Amino acid sequence: MNPDRTPAGDAFATLAISVLRLAGHLQTAGDALARPVGQTSARWQVLAAADHAPMSVADAGRALGMTRQGVQRVADLLEKDGLIAYAENPAHQRAKLMVLTDAGKAALGAIRARQAVWANALGEVVGENDIRQATETVIAALQAVEKLPISER
């Protein structure tokens, strides 16, 4: 225990470290799941965002917790590879919408099929109820982090 932290602060710090470690493993797993389709985790995330609904790069950045510039770089590569197309955005003249092409839909479908097998296996190991409880805790922590700014001292 850190003498400057309360027990609740220690618990949060342990959660944060665990989530960061998990994120690293998920990134590695995502790359492995996407690699046979010639993609990466980042490209998979942008494809999935565009599949969710036609959205601008900025919208995808907000949804994914990534910078607009990072999403733009990935989206431009996906467009170059013929996996997404940019379409007119009736709500914004310059911010085009990302739309999956047929090739993008096929790539995303192949990744999702591989991910389903992997997620099902992990879900069985960890257990649905524990995963749902953990998800609620992570969402509550995320909401708290978004609302409580870091004080500048």
Protein backbone atom coordinates (compact mmCIF):
# COMPACT_ATOMS: atom_id res chain seq x y z
CA MET A 1 0.00 0.00 0.00
CA ASN A 2 1.17 3.47 -0.84
CA PRO A 3 1.08 5.56 2.37
CA ASP A 4 -0.29 8.53 0.40
CA ARG A 5 -3.30 6.55 -0.86
CA THR A 6 -6.45 5.42 0.86
CA PRO A 7 -7.51 1.77 0.60
CA ALA A 8 -9.98 2.85 -2.12
CA GLY A 9 -7.15 4.66 -3.92
CA ASP A 10 -4.99 1.53 -3.72
CA ALA A 11 -7.86 -0.55 -5.09
CA PHE A 12 -8.28 1.88 -7.98
CA ALA A 13 -4.53 1.87 -8.72
CA THR A 14 -4.56 -1.93 -8.80
CA LEU A 15 -7.57 -1.89 -11.14
CA ALA A 16 -5.86 0.64 -13.42
CA ILE A 17 -2.67 -1.42 -13.64
CA SER A 18 -4.68 -4.58 -14.33
CA VAL A 19 -6.73 -2.88 -17.06
CA LEU A 20 -3.56 -1.53 -18.69
CA ARG A 21 -1.97 -4.99 -18.64
CA LEU A 22 -5.16 -6.48 -20.09
CA ALA A 23 -5.23 -3.79 -22.79
CA GLY A 24 -1.73 -4.79 -23.87
CA HIS A 25 -2.71 -8.44 -24.11
CA LEU A 26 -5.90 -7.54 -26.00
CA GLN A 27 -3.88 -5.47 -28.46
CA THR A 28 -1.57 -8.41 -29.10
CA ALA A 29 -4.52 -10.81 -29.43
CA GLY A 30 -6.34 -8.39 -31.74
CA ASP A 31 -3.30 -8.18 -33.99
CA ALA A 32 -3.11 -11.99 -34.06
CA LEU A 33 -6.82 -12.29 -34.89
CA ALA A 34 -6.61 -9.67 -37.65
CA ARG A 35 -3.24 -10.72 -39.13
CA PRO A 36 -4.57 -13.58 -41.35
CA VAL A 37 -6.79 -11.00 -43.06
CA GLY A 38 -3.85 -8.63 -43.53
CA GLN A 39 -5.05 -6.22 -40.84
CA THR A 40 -4.03 -4.93 -37.40
CA SER A 41 -6.00 -4.16 -34.26
CA ALA A 42 -6.08 -0.47 -35.15
CA ARG A 43 -7.36 -1.16 -38.65
CA TRP A 44 -9.93 -3.62 -37.25
CA GLN A 45 -11.20 -0.97 -34.80
CA VAL A 46 -11.67 1.60 -37.55
CA LEU A 47 -13.38 -0.95 -39.81
CA ALA A 48 -15.74 -1.88 -36.97
CA ALA A 49 -16.49 1.78 -36.25
CA ALA A 50 -17.32 2.42 -39.92
CA ASP A 51 -19.50 -0.68 -39.95
CA HIS A 52 -21.41 0.46 -36.87
CA ALA A 53 -22.68 3.49 -38.76
CA PRO A 54 -21.28 5.82 -41.39
CA MET A 55 -19.22 8.23 -39.31
CA SER A 56 -16.56 10.84 -39.73
CA VAL A 57 -12.97 10.26 -38.70
CA ALA A 58 -13.48 12.63 -35.76
CA ASP A 59 -16.59 10.71 -34.66
CA ALA A 60 -14.67 7.43 -34.86
CA GLY A 61 -11.84 8.94 -32.83
CA ARG A 62 -14.24 9.95 -30.08
CA ALA A 63 -15.95 6.55 -30.10
CA LEU A 64 -12.66 4.65 -30.01
CA GLY A 65 -10.82 6.91 -27.58
CA MET A 66 -8.22 7.66 -30.25
CA THR A 67 -7.01 10.92 -31.71
CA ARG A 68 -8.60 12.17 -34.91
CA GLN A 69 -5.14 12.19 -36.49
CA GLY A 70 -4.53 8.54 -35.57
CA VAL A 71 -7.86 7.47 -37.00
CA GLN A 72 -7.24 9.57 -40.13
CA ARG A 73 -3.92 7.83 -40.75
CA VAL A 74 -5.53 4.39 -40.43
CA ALA A 75 -8.62 5.38 -42.45
CA ASP A 76 -6.47 6.68 -45.29
CA LEU A 77 -4.61 3.34 -45.39
CA LEU A 78 -7.92 1.46 -45.38
CA GLU A 79 -9.17 3.63 -48.25
CA LYS A 80 -5.96 3.04 -50.20
CA ASP A 81 -6.48 -0.71 -49.75
CA GLY A 82 -10.11 -0.44 -50.92
CA LEU A 83 -11.65 -1.40 -47.55
CA ILE A 84 -13.43 1.88 -46.89
CA ALA A 85 -14.62 4.75 -49.05
CA TYR A 86 -15.21 8.34 -48.09
CA ALA A 87 -18.76 9.57 -48.71
CA GLU A 88 -20.37 12.98 -48.58
CA ASN A 89 -21.52 14.02 -45.11
CA PRO A 90 -24.82 15.94 -45.14
CA ALA A 91 -24.01 17.31 -41.66
CA HIS A 92 -20.53 18.63 -42.51
CA GLN A 93 -19.13 19.74 -45.84
CA ARG A 94 -15.48 18.82 -45.20
CA ALA A 95 -15.73 15.88 -42.76
CA LYS A 96 -16.46 12.95 -45.05
CA LEU A 97 -18.10 9.78 -43.75
CA MET A 98 -16.26 6.46 -43.69
CA VAL A 99 -18.26 3.69 -45.35
CA LEU A 100 -17.19 0.06 -45.66
CA THR A 101 -16.73 -1.32 -49.14
CA ASP A 102 -17.62 -4.91 -49.97
CA ALA A 103 -13.96 -5.83 -49.45
CA GLY A 104 -14.03 -4.07 -46.08
CA LYS A 105 -17.16 -5.97 -45.07
CA ALA A 106 -15.52 -9.25 -46.05
CA ALA A 107 -12.33 -8.47 -44.10
CA LEU A 108 -14.31 -7.41 -41.03
CA GLY A 109 -16.50 -10.51 -41.26
CA ALA A 110 -13.45 -12.79 -41.37
CA ILE A 111 -11.92 -11.09 -38.34
CA ARG A 112 -15.20 -11.22 -36.42
CA ALA A 113 -15.53 -14.95 -37.11
CA ARG A 114 -12.07 -15.60 -35.66
CA GLN A 115 -12.78 -13.29 -32.71
CA ALA A 116 -16.04 -15.08 -31.91
CA VAL A 117 -14.26 -18.41 -31.43
CA TRP A 118 -11.64 -16.77 -29.21
CA ALA A 119 -14.17 -14.74 -27.17
CA ASN A 120 -16.40 -17.78 -26.66
CA ALA A 121 -13.47 -19.79 -25.29
CA LEU A 122 -12.40 -17.00 -22.92
CA GLY A 123 -15.98 -16.41 -21.85
CA GLU A 124 -16.26 -20.05 -20.81
CA VAL A 125 -13.03 -19.86 -18.80
CA VAL A 126 -13.84 -16.63 -16.94
CA GLY A 127 -17.60 -17.02 -16.72
CA GLU A 128 -20.38 -14.81 -18.00
CA ASN A 129 -21.47 -13.43 -14.61
CA ASP A 130 -17.94 -12.47 -13.58
CA ILE A 131 -17.36 -10.81 -16.94
CA ARG A 132 -20.60 -8.82 -16.67
CA GLN A 133 -19.70 -7.66 -13.13
CA ALA A 134 -16.20 -6.69 -14.25
CA THR A 135 -17.63 -4.78 -17.19
CA GLU A 136 -19.89 -2.78 -14.88
CA THR A 137 -16.90 -1.92 -12.70
CA VAL A 138 -14.74 -0.89 -15.65
CA ILE A 139 -17.57 1.27 -17.06
CA ALA A 140 -18.04 2.96 -13.65
CA ALA A 141 -14.28 3.59 -13.45
CA LEU A 142 -14.23 4.96 -16.99
CA GLN A 143 -17.10 7.32 -16.23
CA ALA A 144 -15.36 8.51 -13.05
CA VAL A 145 -12.09 9.12 -14.89
CA GLU A 146 -13.92 11.09 -17.58
CA LYS A 147 -15.68 13.25 -14.98
CA LEU A 148 -12.88 13.78 -12.46
CA PRO A 149 -10.05 15.80 -13.95
CA ILE A 150 -6.49 15.37 -12.75
CA SER A 151 -5.66 18.34 -10.56
CA GLU A 152 -2.60 20.33 -11.54
CA ARG A 153 -0.47 20.90 -8.46
